[in-house]
């Protein structure tokens, strides 16, 4: 006759107040049952997608923990899960036993033994099963089923406690992650510059921000697409929620889906616990997909479904979750060309580019270059502990006339290098550390020097002679038009640029190409040409 030992039962109740991991709680459950009910094997199994997975065992070979018992292939386990209360199988039951060859001390097939099990419910939902096996056929004859039900109830309580603690930890981690994104987005984004192009961009940001339209930000590398995304979020109705940024280019294809949509424990090798994806983190907020053009086609299809339906499904889960997310995407690729080449889905492109925004390159922002340089130098002098950092006149001109293929990011990094070089040369304790052209990593082209061009009227035809081609005639026309406008503006290059409706830096480059030297005070504001 088997009698239940009540002491392990009391210990299991006391465990509810202890700080234990889920694995420790599961093991404590099987240890307590093994101590309370003399038997040869105890197993606690969790139901996962049609299979029972051993979470803790006693009396079974360790390999049992790696098994997944398909319910359809194991009628004993199926009967336990569907039974109303504890289910005991007769010693001569002909149903195959899932533990054949797995019970320690019973290497042969378990033809005659005592076996019982009970479904475990947690929070009213089927969680899994508890099984007990004894090599002696009559081991459980004296066991009172009411006592076994009490132990199963204690098991359910222990699992519920573990789940509650896990949920609280997960919620705390979620809250912490959201808070981190909130803090990152809290600092007001600084979009330095007052050029025509930047004022137009600011108007576009304020137009689209209050809506929930998807925005596709395009522009060259380094132009500040991140700042534009932060600006849209900051002026949106979701500004108090998280702005979650995902760098699509930095994610290996094998983990993109998990990063975006999350995964459940056991979904793949290494998935040791449930993980929340970026879509769920951004719920009620904004999800910023940086470098979206780098996403593989397989993920593009799943992203499209999430955008269309507002529903996501974690990897390995059958559960669909609804999310309310505003999408901002950015890319330095020409997505229309990518669509034509079959590398980007046409339907996803149109879903993302409901409101397209193009960020101008630095070379088209005129004197914003000088403003940005001052902003970066001010930050650098505080960061590096210098008294004052300044650009000399020639360095300013050089920055203004450079093409900036790396845009604002290149300017920032170049100034950081230049400040270090200038400080090394002049001493970090100098009252003013002056950054000169020699400190900048910009190739300097020699300035054209020649006599002044005579004041002559614009000629309507034959600008460069009868044998000249279209290019030569266009250059001759530009040369005469620009020099005439320079004289009308008393050599003021900025005024000339405004009159001709071009950016000052573009005009300066055109002057050099056409052999016209930029007016300087030394020349009395007069332009000269070759």
Protein backbone atom coordinates (compact mmCIF):
# COMPACT_ATOMS: atom_id res chain seq x y z
CA UNK A 1 0.00 0.00 0.00
CA UNK A 2 1.33 3.43 -0.95
CA UNK A 3 0.90 6.26 1.55
CA UNK A 4 1.58 9.89 0.76
CA UNK A 5 4.29 11.65 2.76
CA UNK A 6 2.89 15.09 3.63
CA UNK A 7 6.21 16.83 4.43
CA UNK A 8 7.37 17.32 0.81
CA UNK A 9 3.91 18.73 0.13
CA UNK A 10 4.49 21.39 2.81
CA UNK A 11 7.94 22.15 1.38
CA UNK A 12 6.42 22.64 -2.06
CA UNK A 13 3.93 25.16 -0.67
CA UNK A 14 6.74 27.03 1.07
CA UNK A 15 8.67 27.12 -2.22
CA UNK A 16 6.03 29.49 -3.58
CA UNK A 17 7.63 32.30 -1.55
CA UNK A 18 11.19 31.51 -2.63
CA UNK A 19 13.14 33.13 -5.44
CA UNK A 20 13.62 30.24 -7.88
CA UNK A 21 14.07 29.96 -11.62
CA UNK A 22 11.39 28.10 -13.64
CA UNK A 23 13.75 25.14 -14.08
CA UNK A 24 14.38 25.00 -10.32
CA UNK A 25 10.65 25.11 -9.54
CA UNK A 26 9.94 22.32 -12.01
CA UNK A 27 12.65 20.16 -10.50
CA UNK A 28 11.43 20.89 -6.96
CA UNK A 29 7.97 19.69 -8.02
CA UNK A 30 9.16 16.30 -9.26
CA UNK A 31 11.47 15.88 -6.26
CA UNK A 32 8.61 16.61 -3.85
CA UNK A 33 6.27 14.16 -5.60
CA UNK A 34 8.97 11.51 -5.72
CA UNK A 35 9.53 11.93 -1.97
CA UNK A 36 5.80 11.92 -1.18
CA UNK A 37 4.79 9.00 -3.40
CA UNK A 38 7.32 6.12 -3.53
CA UNK A 39 7.85 5.33 -7.21
CA UNK A 40 10.66 4.77 -9.70
CA UNK A 41 10.11 7.67 -12.11
CA UNK A 42 8.37 11.06 -12.12
CA UNK A 43 8.12 13.40 -15.10
CA UNK A 44 6.64 16.88 -15.52
CA UNK A 45 5.85 17.57 -19.17
CA UNK A 46 4.69 20.77 -20.86
CA UNK A 47 2.36 20.83 -23.86
CA UNK A 48 3.94 22.56 -26.85
CA UNK A 49 2.36 22.49 -30.32
CA UNK A 50 0.96 18.96 -30.16
CA UNK A 51 3.86 17.45 -28.22
CA UNK A 52 4.78 16.99 -24.58
CA UNK A 53 8.22 18.25 -23.64
CA UNK A 54 9.84 16.96 -20.42
CA UNK A 55 10.66 19.94 -18.18
CA UNK A 56 11.94 17.96 -15.16
CA UNK A 57 12.39 14.22 -14.48
CA UNK A 58 13.51 11.83 -11.77
CA UNK A 59 14.23 8.17 -12.46
CA UNK A 60 14.45 8.60 -16.24
CA UNK A 61 17.64 8.69 -18.26
CA UNK A 62 18.87 12.22 -18.93
CA UNK A 63 18.23 11.78 -22.65
CA UNK A 64 14.50 11.93 -21.88
CA UNK A 65 14.85 15.72 -21.48
CA UNK A 66 15.72 15.96 -25.16
CA UNK A 67 12.64 14.07 -26.30
CA UNK A 68 9.39 15.52 -27.63
CA UNK A 69 6.49 13.08 -27.24
CA UNK A 70 4.01 13.52 -30.08
CA UNK A 71 0.58 13.09 -28.51
CA UNK A 72 -0.84 11.39 -31.59
CA UNK A 73 1.93 8.77 -31.41
CA UNK A 74 1.54 8.10 -27.67
CA UNK A 75 -1.98 7.03 -26.69
CA UNK A 76 -1.16 6.82 -22.94
CA UNK A 77 -0.18 10.48 -22.88
CA UNK A 78 -3.22 11.37 -24.96
CA UNK A 79 -5.50 9.59 -22.46
CA UNK A 80 -3.85 11.45 -19.57
CA UNK A 81 -4.42 14.83 -21.21
CA UNK A 82 -8.05 14.13 -22.03
CA UNK A 83 -8.89 12.32 -18.78
CA UNK A 84 -11.05 13.79 -16.06
CA UNK A 85 -8.61 13.64 -13.17
CA UNK A 86 -5.84 11.07 -12.52
CA UNK A 87 -5.61 8.24 -15.06
CA UNK A 88 -4.13 4.88 -13.98
CA UNK A 89 -3.26 2.19 -16.50
CA UNK A 90 -3.68 -1.51 -15.63
CA UNK A 91 -0.47 -3.49 -15.29
CA UNK A 92 -1.45 -5.57 -18.34
CA UNK A 93 -2.40 -2.49 -20.45
CA UNK A 94 -1.35 -3.13 -24.04
CA UNK A 95 -0.90 0.56 -24.93
CA UNK A 96 2.77 1.30 -25.71
CA UNK A 97 4.60 3.13 -22.96
CA UNK A 98 6.47 6.31 -23.99
CA UNK A 99 9.19 5.55 -21.42
CA UNK A 100 10.14 2.09 -22.69
CA UNK A 101 13.89 1.81 -22.23
CA UNK A 102 14.11 5.19 -20.50
CA UNK A 103 13.39 4.22 -16.87
CA UNK A 104 16.56 3.77 -14.84
CA UNK A 105 16.83 0.15 -13.72
CA UNK A 106 14.28 -0.96 -16.29
CA UNK A 107 16.22 -1.16 -19.53
CA UNK A 108 13.88 -3.71 -21.06
CA UNK A 109 10.39 -2.94 -22.37
CA UNK A 110 8.00 -2.09 -19.54
CA UNK A 111 5.54 -4.93 -20.16
CA UNK A 112 4.32 -5.12 -16.56
CA UNK A 113 4.49 -2.07 -14.29
CA UNK A 114 2.35 0.51 -12.53
CA UNK A 115 1.70 3.76 -14.35
CA UNK A 116 -0.52 6.75 -13.72
CA UNK A 117 -0.72 10.36 -14.80
CA UNK A 118 -2.76 13.49 -14.50
CA UNK A 119 -3.33 16.52 -16.72
CA UNK A 120 -2.01 19.76 -15.25
CA UNK A 121 -4.08 22.90 -15.66
CA UNK A 122 -2.68 26.37 -14.94
CA UNK A 123 -5.02 29.32 -14.82
CA UNK A 124 -7.81 27.20 -16.25
CA UNK A 125 -5.82 26.22 -19.34
CA UNK A 126 -4.20 22.87 -20.10
CA UNK A 127 -0.49 23.25 -19.37
CA UNK A 128 0.80 19.69 -19.62
CA UNK A 129 0.95 16.46 -17.65
CA UNK A 130 2.46 14.80 -14.60
CA UNK A 131 3.36 11.11 -14.88
CA UNK A 132 4.46 8.51 -12.28
CA UNK A 133 5.90 5.08 -13.05
CA UNK A 134 6.77 2.16 -10.79
CA UNK A 135 8.41 -1.08 -11.86
CA UNK A 136 6.31 -2.96 -9.26
CA UNK A 137 2.81 -3.61 -10.68
CA UNK A 138 0.83 -2.86 -7.49
CA UNK A 139 2.83 0.11 -6.20
CA UNK A 140 -0.06 2.62 -6.45
CA UNK A 141 -2.84 0.37 -5.09
CA UNK A 142 -3.19 2.27 -1.81
CA UNK A 143 -2.78 5.76 -3.20
CA UNK A 144 -5.77 8.00 -2.56
CA UNK A 145 -6.68 9.95 -5.65
CA UNK A 146 -7.80 12.95 -3.55
CA UNK A 147 -4.27 13.19 -2.17
CA UNK A 148 -2.84 12.97 -5.67
CA UNK A 149 -5.18 15.76 -6.81
CA UNK A 150 -3.88 17.91 -3.96
CA UNK A 151 -0.34 17.37 -5.15
CA UNK A 152 -1.31 18.19 -8.72
CA UNK A 153 -2.94 21.39 -7.42
CA UNK A 154 0.30 22.28 -5.65
CA UNK A 155 2.15 21.57 -8.90
CA UNK A 156 -0.20 23.92 -10.77
CA UNK A 157 0.34 26.60 -8.12
CA UNK A 158 4.12 26.28 -8.41
CA UNK A 159 3.95 26.56 -12.21
CA UNK A 160 1.55 29.53 -12.01
CA UNK A 161 3.91 31.27 -9.59
CA UNK A 162 6.79 30.65 -11.97
CA UNK A 163 4.79 31.97 -14.91
CA UNK A 164 3.71 35.04 -12.95
CA UNK A 165 7.29 35.82 -11.97
CA UNK A 166 8.41 35.27 -15.55
CA UNK A 167 5.64 37.54 -16.83
CA UNK A 168 6.61 40.23 -14.33
CA UNK A 169 10.25 39.95 -15.33
CA UNK A 170 9.32 40.05 -19.00
CA UNK A 171 7.10 43.05 -18.42
CA UNK A 172 9.88 44.77 -16.50
CA UNK A 173 12.31 44.03 -19.33
CA UNK A 174 9.75 45.30 -21.85
CA UNK A 175 9.20 48.46 -19.82
CA UNK A 176 12.94 48.96 -19.47
CA UNK A 177 13.46 48.50 -23.21
CA UNK A 178 10.63 50.92 -24.04
CA UNK A 179 12.06 53.40 -21.52
CA UNK A 180 15.45 53.11 -23.19
CA UNK A 181 13.94 53.97 -26.55
CA UNK A 182 11.97 56.82 -24.98
CA UNK A 183 15.10 58.25 -23.42
CA UNK A 184 16.99 57.92 -26.71
CA UNK A 185 14.21 59.81 -28.49
CA UNK A 186 13.66 62.36 -25.72
CA UNK A 187 16.50 64.71 -26.63
CA UNK A 188 15.14 67.15 -29.23
CA UNK A 189 16.69 66.32 -32.61
CA UNK A 190 18.90 69.14 -33.84
CA UNK A 191 18.47 69.81 -37.52
CA UNK A 192 21.00 72.56 -38.02
CA UNK A 193 20.64 74.82 -41.04
CA UNK A 194 18.52 77.53 -42.59
CA UNK A 195 19.00 76.90 -46.29
CA UNK A 196 16.06 76.88 -48.66
CA UNK A 197 16.32 73.11 -48.96
CA UNK A 198 16.25 72.61 -45.17
CA UNK A 199 13.36 75.00 -44.63
CA UNK A 200 11.39 73.04 -47.22
CA UNK A 201 12.24 69.78 -45.47
CA UNK A 202 11.13 71.17 -42.09
CA UNK A 203 7.79 72.18 -43.62
CA UNK A 204 7.34 68.65 -44.95
CA UNK A 205 8.12 67.16 -41.54
CA UNK A 206 5.55 69.36 -39.80
CA UNK A 207 2.99 68.50 -42.49
CA UNK A 208 3.23 64.72 -42.22
CA UNK A 209 4.13 64.30 -38.53
CA UNK A 210 0.61 64.65 -37.02
CA UNK A 211 -0.77 61.95 -39.32
CA UNK A 212 -0.26 58.20 -39.08
CA UNK A 213 0.88 57.88 -42.69
CA UNK A 214 3.88 55.72 -43.43
CA UNK A 215 6.89 57.83 -44.39
CA UNK A 216 9.79 56.77 -46.63
CA UNK A 217 12.88 58.92 -46.07
CA UNK A 218 15.40 58.82 -48.89
CA UNK A 219 18.80 60.43 -49.22
CA UNK A 220 22.50 59.76 -49.53
CA UNK A 221 24.52 58.20 -46.73
CA UNK A 222 25.23 60.65 -43.94
CA UNK A 223 22.60 63.29 -44.74
CA UNK A 224 20.78 62.85 -41.41
CA UNK A 225 17.84 60.57 -42.16
CA UNK A 226 17.79 59.49 -38.49
CA UNK A 227 17.24 63.09 -37.38
CA UNK A 228 14.35 63.42 -39.82
CA UNK A 229 12.73 60.26 -38.41
CA UNK A 230 13.15 61.55 -34.85
CA UNK A 231 11.71 64.89 -35.89
CA UNK A 232 8.61 63.22 -37.36
CA UNK A 233 8.09 61.16 -34.19
CA UNK A 234 8.68 64.14 -31.91
CA UNK A 235 5.96 66.19 -33.62
CA UNK A 236 3.50 63.29 -33.93
CA UNK A 237 0.59 62.24 -31.72
CA UNK A 238 2.77 59.31 -30.60
CA UNK A 239 5.57 61.45 -29.18
CA UNK A 240 4.93 60.17 -25.63
CA UNK A 241 5.40 56.55 -26.76
CA UNK A 242 8.56 54.77 -27.88
CA UNK A 243 10.47 55.38 -31.09
CA UNK A 244 12.00 51.96 -31.78
CA UNK A 245 14.82 51.93 -34.34
CA UNK A 246 15.87 48.84 -36.29
CA UNK A 247 18.98 48.88 -38.47
CA UNK A 248 17.89 46.39 -41.12
CA UNK A 249 21.34 46.32 -42.70
CA UNK A 250 22.96 45.15 -39.45
CA UNK A 251 20.69 42.13 -38.95
CA UNK A 252 21.73 38.70 -40.29
CA UNK A 253 19.00 37.16 -42.41
CA UNK A 254 18.67 34.29 -39.94
CA UNK A 255 17.48 36.56 -37.12
CA UNK A 256 15.58 39.33 -38.92
CA UNK A 257 12.17 37.73 -38.42
CA UNK A 258 12.83 37.10 -34.72
CA UNK A 259 14.06 40.68 -34.22
CA UNK A 260 10.99 42.16 -35.90
CA UNK A 261 8.25 39.86 -34.63
CA UNK A 262 9.78 38.06 -31.61
CA UNK A 263 9.93 34.33 -30.89
CA UNK A 264 8.72 31.80 -28.36
CA UNK A 265 10.89 29.50 -26.33
CA UNK A 266 11.98 26.44 -28.26
CA UNK A 267 11.21 27.99 -31.66
CA UNK A 268 14.78 27.32 -32.77
CA UNK A 269 18.13 26.33 -31.33
CA UNK A 270 19.15 28.91 -28.76
CA UNK A 271 15.61 30.22 -28.13
CA UNK A 272 15.72 29.60 -24.40
CA UNK A 273 12.89 31.98 -23.51
CA UNK A 274 10.16 34.02 -25.14
CA UNK A 275 11.40 37.25 -26.73
CA UNK A 276 9.43 40.35 -27.67
CA UNK A 277 10.10 41.72 -31.16
CA UNK A 278 10.52 45.34 -32.22
CA UNK A 279 6.97 45.56 -33.57
CA UNK A 280 5.53 44.76 -30.15
CA UNK A 281 7.98 47.11 -28.44
CA UNK A 282 6.76 49.89 -30.71
CA UNK A 283 3.05 49.21 -30.05
CA UNK A 284 1.24 52.58 -29.89
CA UNK A 285 4.51 54.25 -30.89
CA UNK A 286 6.72 54.51 -33.96
CA UNK A 287 8.88 51.85 -35.61
CA UNK A 288 11.80 53.25 -37.60
CA UNK A 289 13.14 50.79 -40.18
CA UNK A 290 16.54 52.17 -41.14
CA UNK A 291 18.09 50.86 -44.38
CA UNK A 292 14.86 49.06 -45.22
CA UNK A 293 16.16 48.35 -48.71
CA UNK A 294 18.51 45.75 -47.24
CA UNK A 295 15.69 43.42 -46.08
CA UNK A 296 15.63 40.02 -47.84
CA UNK A 297 12.60 39.29 -50.00
CA UNK A 298 11.35 36.54 -47.65
CA UNK A 299 11.09 39.03 -44.79
CA UNK A 300 9.59 41.72 -47.03
CA UNK A 301 6.51 39.51 -47.54
CA UNK A 302 6.01 39.08 -43.79
CA UNK A 303 6.59 42.78 -43.18
CA UNK A 304 3.94 43.60 -45.77
CA UNK A 305 1.38 41.40 -43.98
CA UNK A 306 2.14 43.14 -40.69
CA UNK A 307 1.66 46.56 -42.29
CA UNK A 308 -1.54 45.57 -44.06
CA UNK A 309 -3.30 43.89 -41.14
CA UNK A 310 -1.59 45.35 -38.08
CA UNK A 311 -1.01 41.77 -36.93
CA UNK A 312 2.21 39.96 -36.06
CA UNK A 313 3.08 36.37 -35.25
CA UNK A 314 6.13 35.46 -33.22
CA UNK A 315 8.44 32.80 -34.66
CA UNK A 316 7.26 29.38 -33.44
CA UNK A 317 3.92 30.67 -32.14
CA UNK A 318 0.39 30.00 -33.37
CA UNK A 319 -0.89 33.13 -31.67
CA UNK A 320 -1.55 36.30 -33.69
CA UNK A 321 -1.15 39.65 -31.92
CA UNK A 322 -2.57 43.00 -32.99
CA UNK A 323 -0.27 46.02 -32.83
CA UNK A 324 -0.77 49.72 -33.49
CA UNK A 325 2.48 50.95 -35.02
CA UNK A 326 3.36 53.97 -37.16
CA UNK A 327 6.07 53.08 -39.72
CA UNK A 328 8.92 55.32 -40.79
CA UNK A 329 11.42 53.75 -43.19
CA UNK A 330 14.68 55.08 -44.59
CA UNK A 331 17.04 54.03 -47.35
CA UNK A 332 19.93 55.35 -49.42
CA UNK A 333 18.93 53.05 -52.27
CA UNK A 334 16.71 53.93 -55.23
CA UNK A 335 13.84 51.61 -54.27
CA UNK A 336 12.04 52.12 -57.57
CA UNK A 337 15.13 50.79 -59.33
CA UNK A 338 15.30 47.95 -56.78
CA UNK A 339 11.66 47.11 -57.57
CA UNK A 340 12.42 47.07 -61.31
CA UNK A 341 15.36 44.74 -60.64
CA UNK A 342 13.19 42.37 -58.59
CA UNK A 343 15.07 42.99 -55.35
CA UNK A 344 12.27 44.85 -53.58
CA UNK A 345 8.57 44.12 -53.55
CA UNK A 346 6.48 46.64 -55.47
CA UNK A 347 3.53 46.34 -53.05
CA UNK A 348 5.77 46.90 -50.03
CA UNK A 349 7.38 49.91 -51.68
CA UNK A 350 3.98 51.55 -52.19
CA UNK A 351 2.94 50.64 -48.65
CA UNK A 352 6.04 52.32 -47.19
CA UNK A 353 6.17 55.37 -49.46
CA UNK A 354 2.73 56.79 -48.74
CA UNK A 355 4.52 60.06 -47.93
CA UNK A 356 8.04 60.18 -49.41
CA UNK A 357 10.60 62.63 -48.00
CA UNK A 358 13.94 63.36 -49.64
CA UNK A 359 16.77 64.73 -47.48
CA UNK A 360 19.04 67.08 -49.47
CA UNK A 361 22.76 66.33 -49.67
CA UNK A 362 25.10 68.72 -47.89
CA UNK A 363 26.49 70.14 -51.16
CA UNK A 364 23.02 71.57 -51.92
CA UNK A 365 22.61 73.33 -48.58
CA UNK A 366 24.73 76.42 -49.20
CA UNK A 367 25.96 78.17 -46.05
CA UNK A 368 24.48 75.45 -43.83
CA UNK A 369 27.97 73.94 -44.13
CA UNK A 370 29.42 76.81 -42.09
CA UNK A 371 26.59 76.66 -39.56
CA UNK A 372 27.05 72.92 -39.10
CA UNK A 373 30.82 73.36 -38.79
CA UNK A 374 30.29 75.85 -35.96
CA UNK A 375 27.87 73.47 -34.24
CA UNK A 376 30.31 70.56 -34.40
CA UNK A 377 33.30 72.65 -33.31
CA UNK A 378 31.39 73.92 -30.28
CA UNK A 379 30.60 70.37 -29.25
CA UNK A 380 34.16 69.24 -29.89
CA UNK A 381 35.80 71.95 -27.78
CA UNK A 382 33.71 70.89 -24.77
CA UNK A 383 34.20 67.20 -25.40
CA UNK A 384 37.98 67.52 -25.89
CA UNK A 385 38.51 70.14 -23.21
CA UNK A 386 39.85 72.89 -25.52
CA UNK A 387 39.34 76.60 -24.85
CA UNK A 388 38.14 77.69 -28.28
CA UNK A 389 38.06 75.99 -31.67
CA UNK A 390 37.75 78.17 -34.74
CA UNK A 391 37.94 77.82 -38.51
CA UNK A 392 40.19 80.28 -40.29
CA UNK A 393 38.93 82.04 -43.37
CA UNK A 394 40.62 79.78 -45.93
CA UNK A 395 39.40 76.64 -44.15
CA UNK A 396 35.84 77.97 -44.19
CA UNK A 397 36.07 78.58 -47.93
CA UNK A 398 37.49 75.11 -48.47
CA UNK A 399 34.65 73.47 -46.51
CA UNK A 400 32.08 75.51 -48.38
CA UNK A 401 33.38 74.51 -51.81
CA UNK A 402 33.94 70.80 -51.16
CA UNK A 403 31.48 68.29 -52.65
CA UNK A 404 30.96 66.29 -49.39
CA UNK A 405 30.24 62.79 -50.75
CA UNK A 406 29.80 61.62 -47.13
CA UNK A 407 27.56 64.59 -46.28
CA UNK A 408 27.01 65.76 -42.68
CA UNK A 409 28.59 62.69 -41.16
CA UNK A 410 31.76 63.25 -43.19
CA UNK A 411 31.86 66.89 -42.09
CA UNK A 412 31.55 65.94 -38.43
CA UNK A 413 34.28 63.31 -38.60
CA UNK A 414 36.61 65.50 -40.65
CA UNK A 415 36.31 68.35 -38.15
CA UNK A 416 37.06 65.98 -35.27
CA UNK A 417 40.28 64.85 -36.97
CA UNK A 418 41.19 68.39 -37.90
CA UNK A 419 40.65 69.69 -34.37
CA UNK A 420 43.01 67.04 -33.00
CA UNK A 421 45.66 67.92 -35.58
CA UNK A 422 45.35 71.65 -34.90
CA UNK A 423 45.50 71.15 -31.12
CA UNK A 424 48.57 68.93 -31.46
CA UNK A 425 50.28 71.60 -33.50
CA UNK A 426 49.23 74.69 -31.51
CA UNK A 427 48.91 73.19 -28.02
CA UNK A 428 45.65 72.19 -26.36
CA UNK A 429 46.02 75.07 -23.87
CA UNK A 430 46.16 77.73 -26.59
CA UNK A 431 43.60 80.49 -26.15
CA UNK A 432 42.24 79.88 -29.64
CA UNK A 433 42.95 76.74 -31.65
CA UNK A 434 42.58 77.64 -35.30
CA UNK A 435 41.73 74.97 -37.89
CA UNK A 436 43.43 75.79 -41.17
CA UNK A 437 43.26 74.17 -44.63
CA UNK A 438 46.37 72.07 -43.88
CA UNK A 439 44.44 70.36 -41.05
CA UNK A 440 41.56 69.36 -43.34
CA UNK A 441 41.56 66.18 -45.44
CA UNK A 442 40.42 68.07 -48.53
CA UNK A 443 42.51 68.27 -51.72
CA UNK A 444 43.04 71.95 -52.54
CA UNK A 445 42.81 72.99 -56.18
CA UNK A 446 44.84 76.05 -57.18
CA UNK A 447 42.81 79.22 -57.71
CA UNK A 448 42.75 80.55 -61.25
CA UNK A 449 44.59 83.86 -61.68
CA UNK A 450 44.30 86.04 -64.80
CA UNK A 451 43.44 89.60 -65.86
CA UNK A 452 39.91 90.86 -65.45
CA UNK A 453 37.41 90.00 -68.14
CA UNK A 454 36.35 93.06 -70.09
CA UNK A 455 32.78 94.30 -69.77
CA UNK A 456 31.13 92.98 -72.90
CA UNK A 457 27.50 92.30 -73.79
CA UNK A 458 26.05 88.81 -73.94
CA UNK A 459 26.25 87.47 -77.50
CA UNK A 460 23.23 85.44 -78.54
CA UNK A 461 24.98 83.09 -81.04
CA UNK A 462 28.39 81.62 -81.86
CA UNK A 463 29.61 81.87 -78.24
CA UNK A 464 32.73 79.80 -78.82
CA UNK A 465 33.33 79.97 -82.54
CA UNK A 466 31.90 78.18 -85.53
CA UNK A 467 33.75 74.91 -84.81
CA UNK A 468 32.69 74.69 -81.15
CA UNK A 469 30.35 71.95 -80.02
CA UNK A 470 27.32 72.22 -77.77
CA UNK A 471 29.35 71.89 -74.53
CA UNK A 472 31.80 74.64 -75.50
CA UNK A 473 29.00 77.00 -76.52
CA UNK A 474 27.06 76.35 -73.29
CA UNK A 475 30.22 76.98 -71.22
CA UNK A 476 30.86 80.23 -73.09
CA UNK A 477 27.31 81.38 -72.47
CA UNK A 478 27.52 80.47 -68.75
CA UNK A 479 30.87 82.28 -68.44
CA UNK A 480 29.48 85.52 -69.86
CA UNK A 481 26.21 85.32 -67.96
CA UNK A 482 27.90 84.70 -64.61
CA UNK A 483 30.55 87.41 -65.02
CA UNK A 484 27.89 89.96 -66.00
CA UNK A 485 25.83 89.05 -62.91
CA UNK A 486 28.94 89.24 -60.69
CA UNK A 487 29.57 92.79 -61.87
CA UNK A 488 25.92 93.69 -61.29
CA UNK A 489 26.24 92.42 -57.71
CA UNK A 490 29.58 94.21 -57.10
CA UNK A 491 31.39 90.88 -56.88
CA UNK A 492 29.20 89.55 -54.04
CA UNK A 493 29.08 85.83 -54.69
CA UNK A 494 26.12 85.15 -52.37
CA UNK A 495 24.04 87.89 -54.05
CA UNK A 496 25.04 86.54 -57.46
CA UNK A 497 23.93 83.04 -56.46
CA UNK A 498 20.55 84.37 -55.29
CA UNK A 499 20.08 86.33 -58.51
CA UNK A 500 20.90 83.24 -60.59
CA UNK A 501 18.80 81.02 -58.28
CA UNK A 502 21.57 78.55 -57.52
CA UNK A 503 23.33 77.50 -54.29
CA UNK A 504 26.47 79.47 -53.51
CA UNK A 505 28.63 76.32 -53.27
CA UNK A 506 27.37 75.11 -56.67
CA UNK A 507 28.13 78.51 -58.17
CA UNK A 508 31.65 78.45 -56.71
CA UNK A 509 32.31 75.06 -58.32
CA UNK A 510 31.00 76.36 -61.65
CA UNK A 511 33.35 79.34 -61.41
CA UNK A 512 36.32 77.02 -60.98
CA UNK A 513 35.22 74.79 -63.87
CA UNK A 514 34.83 77.76 -66.18
CA UNK A 515 38.15 79.29 -65.12
CA UNK A 516 36.56 82.25 -63.33
CA UNK A 517 38.30 83.12 -60.06
CA UNK A 518 35.96 83.78 -57.15
CA UNK A 519 35.92 87.51 -56.28
CA UNK A 520 37.93 88.44 -53.18
CA UNK A 521 38.37 91.74 -51.31
CA UNK A 522 41.94 91.92 -52.64
CA UNK A 523 40.57 92.17 -56.19
CA UNK A 524 38.03 94.81 -55.26
CA UNK A 525 35.20 92.36 -55.76
CA UNK A 526 36.01 91.74 -59.43
CA UNK A 527 35.93 88.36 -61.12
CA UNK A 528 38.75 87.22 -63.37
CA UNK A 529 38.83 84.48 -65.98
CA UNK A 530 41.37 82.55 -67.98
